[in-house]
Structure formats: C-alpha cells, structure tokens
Amino acid sequence: MKNHLICYDIANPKRLGRVHRLCKRYAMPLQYSVFLAELNASRLEELVRSLEAIIDQNEDDIRIYPLHNGHEALFIGQAKMPEGVYIGSEGGMLDQLMHHISSMQ
C-alpha cells in the first residue's frame, strides 16, 4: 500500500460531482478537490480507469501524486481533521500526519 494525493480540476459541474463521489469511495477528502488515498497498485489502476471513464480529457485535469511514507505535512489555518482520527497502517505517514495535527491544536 502506498499513499497518494489526488487533486482535480473538472470543468463540467455534472462530471465534477461524479468525480468527487468516486474519489470519496477510494480516499479521504482533505479539501473539496484534494484527497488522500492509501492504495495498492491494482486499486490505483481501478481508480484511474474509473476516472478516465468519467472525465473529458480535453477539458478536465486530474493529478495523482505518490507520497513517500515518513514525510510530514504542514497545515496552516483551521485543521479539518477531528482529533483522534487515524487512517492507514499504524505508524505510517497518515498516523504521523494526524499526530502532527493534534500537536498543533
């Protein structure tokens, strides 16, 4: 399993809603068009195929960035994650991220 950051910019409101609902099935929303997902290779491929079936490749833009475990994230402003929320394997990047958020509050 590897963590991925999913970001998108979809031109059509109907496709935007479909992409958002699909991403929520695979990942945790961080902001409206930004998601964090823990995916293995087959699950990532499944997500990409499903997204390709929805979008217009001439108008829409989806980026999926692999994240390396152990890197910290920096949050500025209001934290959106409730205290005590943990996702992913114990001791993984997401646990570290949630601990970092909790320590900032």
Foldseek 3Di string as FASTA:
>chain_A
DFKKKKFKDADDPVLLVVLQVLVVVAFDDQDSGITIGDDDPVVVVVSVVVNVVRGDVVGMDMDIGTDDKPDEDDDDDDGPDDQPDADDDPPTRRVVHNVVVVVVD
